[in-house]
Amino acid sequence: MPTNKSEYRGYEIRLRREWSNWCAKILPTRSDLPIIAQSPLHTLSLHRDGALKAAKSDIDDALSGIERHVA
């Protein structure tokens, strides 16, 4: 059985069942990373992998905004 925790680009992604779907909560693991404000229901998916993919996309979007400002 896959774990319900994952790490990606300095964030911890916590997956959980919500009704009959999966959703994800995104938490930074370092103080230099921004907090991603989003409802866990934003990543709602019928499948665990879909919720994980949505969370990773949210992280990529948040960090790409920072990278544009730094460059």
PDB file of N, CA and C in Angstrom:
ATOM      1  N   MET A   1       0.840  -1.179   0.000  1.00  0.00           N
ATOM      2  CA  MET A   1       0.000   0.000   0.000  1.00  0.00           C
ATOM      3  C   MET A   1       0.889   1.247   0.000  1.00  0.00           C
ATOM      4  N   PRO A   2       0.635   2.204  -0.891  1.00  0.00           N
ATOM      5  CA  PRO A   2       1.459   3.410  -0.942  1.00  0.00           C
ATOM      6  C   PRO A   2       1.280   4.261   0.314  1.00  0.00           C
ATOM      7  N   THR A   3       2.335   4.965   0.664  1.00  0.00           N
ATOM      8  CA  THR A   3       2.274   5.848   1.817  1.00  0.00           C
ATOM      9  C   THR A   3       1.403   7.066   1.507  1.00  0.00           C
ATOM     10  N   ASN A   4       0.851   7.680   2.521  1.00  0.00           N
ATOM     11  CA  ASN A   4       0.012   8.856   2.336  1.00  0.00           C
ATOM     12  C   ASN A   4       0.789  10.142   2.539  1.00  0.00           C
ATOM     13  N   LYS A   5       2.105  10.048   2.627  1.00  0.00           N
ATOM     14  CA  LYS A   5       2.981  11.216   2.701  1.00  0.00           C
ATOM     15  C   LYS A   5       3.980  11.148   1.565  1.00  0.00           C
ATOM     16  N   SER A   6       4.270  12.318   1.014  1.00  0.00           N
ATOM     17  CA  SER A   6       5.238  12.397  -0.065  1.00  0.00           C
ATOM     18  C   SER A   6       5.975  13.717   0.075  1.00  0.00           C
ATOM     19  N   GLU A   7       7.191  13.793  -0.442  1.00  0.00           N
ATOM     20  CA  GLU A   7       7.926  15.059  -0.459  1.00  0.00           C
ATOM     21  C   GLU A   7       8.214  15.437  -1.894  1.00  0.00           C
ATOM     22  N   TYR A   8       8.124  16.748  -2.158  1.00  0.00           N
ATOM     23  CA  TYR A   8       8.350  17.254  -3.507  1.00  0.00           C
ATOM     24  C   TYR A   8       8.827  18.693  -3.419  1.00  0.00           C
ATOM     25  N   ARG A   9      10.012  18.953  -3.941  1.00  0.00           N
ATOM     26  CA  ARG A   9      10.597  20.298  -4.033  1.00  0.00           C
ATOM     27  C   ARG A   9      10.563  21.055  -2.698  1.00  0.00           C
ATOM     28  N   GLY A  10      10.809  20.344  -1.619  1.00  0.00           N
ATOM     29  CA  GLY A  10      10.876  20.977  -0.304  1.00  0.00           C
ATOM     30  C   GLY A  10       9.541  21.059   0.429  1.00  0.00           C
ATOM     31  N   TYR A  11       8.530  20.439  -0.107  1.00  0.00           N
ATOM     32  CA  TYR A  11       7.212  20.432   0.534  1.00  0.00           C
ATOM     33  C   TYR A  11       6.821  19.014   0.918  1.00  0.00           C
ATOM     34  N   GLU A  12       6.076  18.893   1.996  1.00  0.00           N
ATOM     35  CA  GLU A  12       5.475  17.623   2.366  1.00  0.00           C
ATOM     36  C   GLU A  12       4.041  17.647   1.853  1.00  0.00           C
ATOM     37  N   ILE A  13       3.664  16.600   1.180  1.00  0.00           N
ATOM     38  CA  ILE A  13       2.302  16.449   0.679  1.00  0.00           C
ATOM     39  C   ILE A  13       1.649  15.338   1.489  1.00  0.00           C
ATOM     40  N   ARG A  14       0.564  15.683   2.172  1.00  0.00           N
ATOM     41  CA  ARG A  14      -0.172  14.699   2.968  1.00  0.00           C
ATOM     42  C   ARG A  14      -1.481  14.383   2.252  1.00  0.00           C
ATOM     43  N   LEU A  15      -1.607  13.152   1.837  1.00  0.00           N
ATOM     44  CA  LEU A  15      -2.815  12.704   1.151  1.00  0.00           C
ATOM     45  C   LEU A  15      -3.773  12.078   2.151  1.00  0.00           C
ATOM     46  N   ARG A  16      -5.058  12.305   1.922  1.00  0.00           N
ATOM     47  CA  ARG A  16      -6.055  11.683   2.794  1.00  0.00           C
ATOM     48  C   ARG A  16      -7.343  11.430   2.017  1.00  0.00           C
ATOM     49  N   ARG A  17      -8.103  10.487   2.521  1.00  0.00           N
ATOM     50  CA  ARG A  17      -9.405  10.186   1.943  1.00  0.00           C
ATOM     51  C   ARG A  17     -10.412  11.202   2.466  1.00  0.00           C
ATOM     52  N   GLU A  18     -11.223  11.708   1.581  1.00  0.00           N
ATOM     53  CA  GLU A  18     -12.281  12.649   1.932  1.00  0.00           C
ATOM     54  C   GLU A  18     -13.517  12.144   1.212  1.00  0.00           C
ATOM     55  N   TRP A  19     -14.469  11.613   1.967  1.00  0.00           N
ATOM     56  CA  TRP A  19     -15.620  10.914   1.386  1.00  0.00           C
ATOM     57  C   TRP A  19     -15.098   9.745   0.559  1.00  0.00           C
ATOM     58  N   SER A  20     -15.374   9.687  -0.709  1.00  0.00           N
ATOM     59  CA  SER A  20     -14.861   8.581  -1.524  1.00  0.00           C
ATOM     60  C   SER A  20     -13.761   9.069  -2.470  1.00  0.00           C
ATOM     61  N   ASN A  21     -13.160  10.204  -2.148  1.00  0.00           N
ATOM     62  CA  ASN A  21     -12.123  10.806  -2.991  1.00  0.00           C
ATOM     63  C   ASN A  21     -10.838  10.990  -2.195  1.00  0.00           C
ATOM     64  N   TRP A  22      -9.805  11.435  -2.893  1.00  0.00           N
ATOM     65  CA  TRP A  22      -8.525  11.768  -2.278  1.00  0.00           C
ATOM     66  C   TRP A  22      -8.304  13.270  -2.372  1.00  0.00           C
ATOM     67  N   CYS A  23      -7.649  13.846  -1.362  1.00  0.00           N
ATOM     68  CA  CYS A  23      -7.236  15.238  -1.424  1.00  0.00           C
ATOM     69  C   CYS A  23      -5.859  15.357  -0.769  1.00  0.00           C
ATOM     70  N   ALA A  24      -5.228  16.515  -0.946  1.00  0.00           N
ATOM     71  CA  ALA A  24      -3.863  16.693  -0.455  1.00  0.00           C
ATOM     72  C   ALA A  24      -3.716  18.005   0.293  1.00  0.00           C
ATOM     73  N   LYS A  25      -2.921  17.970   1.341  1.00  0.00           N
ATOM     74  CA  LYS A  25      -2.528  19.170   2.068  1.00  0.00           C
ATOM     75  C   LYS A  25      -1.045  19.370   1.802  1.00  0.00           C
ATOM     76  N   ILE A  26      -0.648  20.619   1.531  1.00  0.00           N
ATOM     77  CA  ILE A  26       0.735  20.936   1.166  1.00  0.00           C
ATOM     78  C   ILE A  26       1.371  21.771   2.276  1.00  0.00           C
ATOM     79  N   LEU A  27       2.500  21.298   2.795  1.00  0.00           N
ATOM     80  CA  LEU A  27       3.194  21.986   3.892  1.00  0.00           C
ATOM     81  C   LEU A  27       4.668  22.180   3.545  1.00  0.00           C
ATOM     82  N   PRO A  28       5.200  23.400   3.715  1.00  0.00           N
ATOM     83  CA  PRO A  28       6.636  23.595   3.465  1.00  0.00           C
ATOM     84  C   PRO A  28       7.453  22.889   4.548  1.00  0.00           C
ATOM     85  N   THR A  29       8.621  22.369   4.166  1.00  0.00           N
ATOM     86  CA  THR A  29       9.500  21.713   5.139  1.00  0.00           C
ATOM     87  C   THR A  29      10.653  22.613   5.557  1.00  0.00           C
ATOM     88  N   ARG A  30      10.760  23.783   4.899  1.00  0.00           N
ATOM     89  CA  ARG A  30      11.827  24.749   5.234  1.00  0.00           C
ATOM     90  C   ARG A  30      11.210  26.137   5.367  1.00  0.00           C
ATOM     91  N   SER A  31      11.835  26.968   6.187  1.00  0.00           N
ATOM     92  CA  SER A  31      11.309  28.311   6.439  1.00  0.00           C
ATOM     93  C   SER A  31      11.466  29.254   5.248  1.00  0.00           C
ATOM     94  N   ASP A  32      12.352  28.933   4.299  1.00  0.00           N
ATOM     95  CA  ASP A  32      12.545  29.819   3.145  1.00  0.00           C
ATOM     96  C   ASP A  32      11.542  29.568   2.016  1.00  0.00           C
ATOM     97  N   LEU A  33      10.661  28.597   2.191  1.00  0.00           N
ATOM     98  CA  LEU A  33       9.653  28.303   1.176  1.00  0.00           C
ATOM     99  C   LEU A  33       8.333  28.983   1.533  1.00  0.00           C
ATOM    100  N   PRO A  34       7.607  29.445   0.523  1.00  0.00           N
ATOM    101  CA  PRO A  34       6.318  30.077   0.821  1.00  0.00           C
ATOM    102  C   PRO A  34       5.274  29.050   1.255  1.00  0.00           C
ATOM    103  N   ILE A  35       4.349  29.520   2.058  1.00  0.00           N
ATOM    104  CA  ILE A  35       3.196  28.701   2.417  1.00  0.00           C
ATOM    105  C   ILE A  35       2.230  28.780   1.243  1.00  0.00           C
ATOM    106  N   ILE A  36       1.778  27.649   0.790  1.00  0.00           N
ATOM    107  CA  ILE A  36       0.846  27.611  -0.331  1.00  0.00           C
ATOM    108  C   ILE A  36      -0.564  27.585   0.241  1.00  0.00           C
ATOM    109  N   ALA A  37      -1.257  28.700   0.088  1.00  0.00           N
ATOM    110  CA  ALA A  37      -2.612  28.815   0.606  1.00  0.00           C
ATOM    111  C   ALA A  37      -3.575  28.166  -0.376  1.00  0.00           C
ATOM    112  N   GLN A  38      -4.146  27.072   0.040  1.00  0.00           N
ATOM    113  CA  GLN A  38      -5.129  26.392  -0.792  1.00  0.00           C
ATOM    114  C   GLN A  38      -5.928  25.445   0.072  1.00  0.00           C
ATOM    115  N   SER A  39      -7.131  25.225  -0.340  1.00  0.00           N
ATOM    116  CA  SER A  39      -7.974  24.247   0.339  1.00  0.00           C
ATOM    117  C   SER A  39      -7.539  22.853  -0.096  1.00  0.00           C
ATOM    118  N   PRO A  40      -7.476  21.897   0.830  1.00  0.00           N
ATOM    119  CA  PRO A  40      -7.166  20.529   0.417  1.00  0.00           C
ATOM    120  C   PRO A  40      -8.165  20.002  -0.615  1.00  0.00           C
ATOM    121  N   LEU A  41      -9.371  20.551  -0.615  1.00  0.00           N
ATOM    122  CA  LEU A  41     -10.371  20.096  -1.577  1.00  0.00           C
ATOM    123  C   LEU A  41     -10.049  20.549  -2.994  1.00  0.00           C
ATOM    124  N   HIS A  42      -9.127  21.522  -3.135  1.00  0.00           N
ATOM    125  CA  HIS A  42      -8.695  21.956  -4.467  1.00  0.00           C
ATOM    126  C   HIS A  42      -8.056  20.804  -5.235  1.00  0.00           C
ATOM    127  N   THR A  43      -7.469  19.870  -4.521  1.00  0.00           N
ATOM    128  CA  THR A  43      -6.785  18.739  -5.149  1.00  0.00           C
ATOM    129  C   THR A  43      -7.663  17.490  -5.187  1.00  0.00           C
ATOM    130  N   LEU A  44      -8.940  17.635  -4.942  1.00  0.00           N
ATOM    131  CA  LEU A  44      -9.860  16.498  -4.872  1.00  0.00           C
ATOM    132  C   LEU A  44      -9.812  15.662  -6.154  1.00  0.00           C
ATOM    133  N   SER A  45      -9.660  14.366  -5.977  1.00  0.00           N
ATOM    134  CA  SER A  45      -9.564  13.455  -7.116  1.00  0.00           C
ATOM    135  C   SER A  45     -10.111  12.091  -6.712  1.00  0.00           C
ATOM    136  N   LEU A  46     -10.638  11.376  -7.677  1.00  0.00           N
ATOM    137  CA  LEU A  46     -11.112  10.015  -7.407  1.00  0.00           C
ATOM    138  C   LEU A  46      -9.962   9.067  -7.074  1.00  0.00           C
ATOM    139  N   HIS A  47      -8.767   9.409  -7.560  1.00  0.00           N
ATOM    140  CA  HIS A  47      -7.611   8.524  -7.390  1.00  0.00           C
ATOM    141  C   HIS A  47      -6.509   9.238  -6.616  1.00  0.00           C
ATOM    142  N   ARG A  48      -5.801   8.462  -5.815  1.00  0.00           N
ATOM    143  CA  ARG A  48      -4.686   8.985  -5.012  1.00  0.00           C
ATOM    144  C   ARG A  48      -3.658   9.685  -5.890  1.00  0.00           C
ATOM    145  N   ASP A  49      -3.295   9.079  -7.010  1.00  0.00           N
ATOM    146  CA  ASP A  49      -2.282   9.655  -7.896  1.00  0.00           C
ATOM    147  C   ASP A  49      -2.740  10.986  -8.495  1.00  0.00           C
ATOM    148  N   GLY A  50      -4.027  11.128  -8.730  1.00  0.00           N
ATOM    149  CA  GLY A  50      -4.555  12.387  -9.253  1.00  0.00           C
ATOM    150  C   GLY A  50      -4.423  13.518  -8.246  1.00  0.00           C
ATOM    151  N   ALA A  51      -4.681  13.236  -6.976  1.00  0.00           N
ATOM    152  CA  ALA A  51      -4.530  14.247  -5.926  1.00  0.00           C
ATOM    153  C   ALA A  51      -3.061  14.625  -5.759  1.00  0.00           C
ATOM    154  N   LEU A  52      -2.174  13.635  -5.834  1.00  0.00           N
ATOM    155  CA  LEU A  52      -0.739  13.899  -5.727  1.00  0.00           C
ATOM    156  C   LEU A  52      -0.263  14.754  -6.900  1.00  0.00           C
ATOM    157  N   LYS A  53      -0.721  14.441  -8.086  1.00  0.00           N
ATOM    158  CA  LYS A  53      -0.345  15.210  -9.282  1.00  0.00           C
ATOM    159  C   LYS A  53      -0.847  16.656  -9.174  1.00  0.00           C
ATOM    160  N   ALA A  54      -2.058  16.859  -8.683  1.00  0.00           N
ATOM    161  CA  ALA A  54      -2.605  18.213  -8.515  1.00  0.00           C
ATOM    162  C   ALA A  54      -1.795  18.994  -7.491  1.00  0.00           C
ATOM    163  N   ALA A  55      -1.388  18.352  -6.406  1.00  0.00           N
ATOM    164  CA  ALA A  55      -0.582  19.021  -5.381  1.00  0.00           C
ATOM    165  C   ALA A  55       0.779  19.419  -5.946  1.00  0.00           C
ATOM    166  N   LYS A  56       1.403  18.535  -6.698  1.00  0.00           N
ATOM    167  CA  LYS A  56       2.700  18.852  -7.307  1.00  0.00           C
ATOM    168  C   LYS A  56       2.566  20.007  -8.288  1.00  0.00           C
ATOM    169  N   SER A  57       1.481  20.052  -9.013  1.00  0.00           N
ATOM    170  CA  SER A  57       1.238  21.153  -9.944  1.00  0.00           C
ATOM    171  C   SER A  57       1.092  22.480  -9.188  1.00  0.00           C
ATOM    172  N   ASP A  58       0.386  22.458  -8.055  1.00  0.00           N
ATOM    173  CA  ASP A  58       0.246  23.666  -7.233  1.00  0.00           C
ATOM    174  C   ASP A  58       1.609  24.146  -6.730  1.00  0.00           C
ATOM    175  N   ILE A  59       2.456  23.209  -6.329  1.00  0.00           N
ATOM    176  CA  ILE A  59       3.807  23.554  -5.866  1.00  0.00           C
ATOM    177  C   ILE A  59       4.613  24.157  -7.014  1.00  0.00           C
ATOM    178  N   ASP A  60       4.573  23.524  -8.164  1.00  0.00           N
ATOM    179  CA  ASP A  60       5.295  24.051  -9.331  1.00  0.00           C
ATOM    180  C   ASP A  60       4.831  25.459  -9.673  1.00  0.00           C
ATOM    181  N   ASP A  61       3.520  25.683  -9.644  1.00  0.00           N
ATOM    182  CA  ASP A  61       2.981  27.015  -9.947  1.00  0.00           C
ATOM    183  C   ASP A  61       3.470  28.052  -8.940  1.00  0.00           C
ATOM    184  N   ALA A  62       3.450  27.707  -7.656  1.00  0.00           N
ATOM    185  CA  ALA A  62       3.882  28.642  -6.613  1.00  0.00           C
ATOM    186  C   ALA A  62       5.368  28.962  -6.749  1.00  0.00           C
ATOM    187  N   LEU A  63       6.184  27.946  -6.985  1.00  0.00           N
ATOM    188  CA  LEU A  63       7.625  28.171  -7.080  1.00  0.00           C
ATOM    189  C   LEU A  63       8.022  28.842  -8.387  1.00  0.00           C
ATOM    190  N   SER A  64       7.275  28.627  -9.447  1.00  0.00           N
ATOM    191  CA  SER A  64       7.615  29.294 -10.703  1.00  0.00           C
ATOM    192  C   SER A  64       7.378  30.790 -10.584  1.00  0.00           C
ATOM    193  N   GLY A  65       6.407  31.211  -9.806  1.00  0.00           N
ATOM    194  CA  GLY A  65       6.187  32.632  -9.565  1.00  0.00           C
ATOM    195  C   GLY A  65       7.347  33.261  -8.820  1.00  0.00           C
ATOM    196  N   ILE A  66       7.905  32.529  -7.881  1.00  0.00           N
ATOM    197  CA  ILE A  66       9.056  33.029  -7.113  1.00  0.00           C
ATOM    198  C   ILE A  66      10.292  33.079  -8.009  1.00  0.00           C
ATOM    199  N   GLU A  67      10.495  32.039  -8.806  1.00  0.00           N
ATOM    200  CA  GLU A  67      11.668  31.987  -9.677  1.00  0.00           C
ATOM    201  C   GLU A  67      11.659  33.114 -10.693  1.00  0.00           C
ATOM    202  N   ARG A  68      10.486  33.519 -11.171  1.00  0.00           N
ATOM    203  CA  ARG A  68      10.388  34.635 -12.113  1.00  0.00           C
ATOM    204  C   ARG A  68      10.804  35.943 -11.447  1.00  0.00           C
ATOM    205  N   HIS A  69      10.444  36.120 -10.172  1.00  0.00           N
ATOM    206  CA  HIS A  69      10.786  37.351  -9.457  1.00  0.00           C
ATOM    207  C   HIS A  69      12.263  37.426  -9.103  1.00  0.00           C
ATOM    208  N   VAL A  70      12.897  36.285  -8.909  1.00  0.00           N
ATOM    209  CA  VAL A  70      14.306  36.240  -8.534  1.00  0.00           C
ATOM    210  C   VAL A  70      15.194  36.432  -9.760  1.00  0.00           C
ATOM    211  N   ALA A  71      14.783  35.904 -10.893  1.00  0.00           N
ATOM    212  CA  ALA A  71      15.614  35.945 -12.116  1.00  0.00           C
ATOM    213  C   ALA A  71      15.761  37.325 -12.683  1.00  0.00           C
TER     214      ALA A  71
END
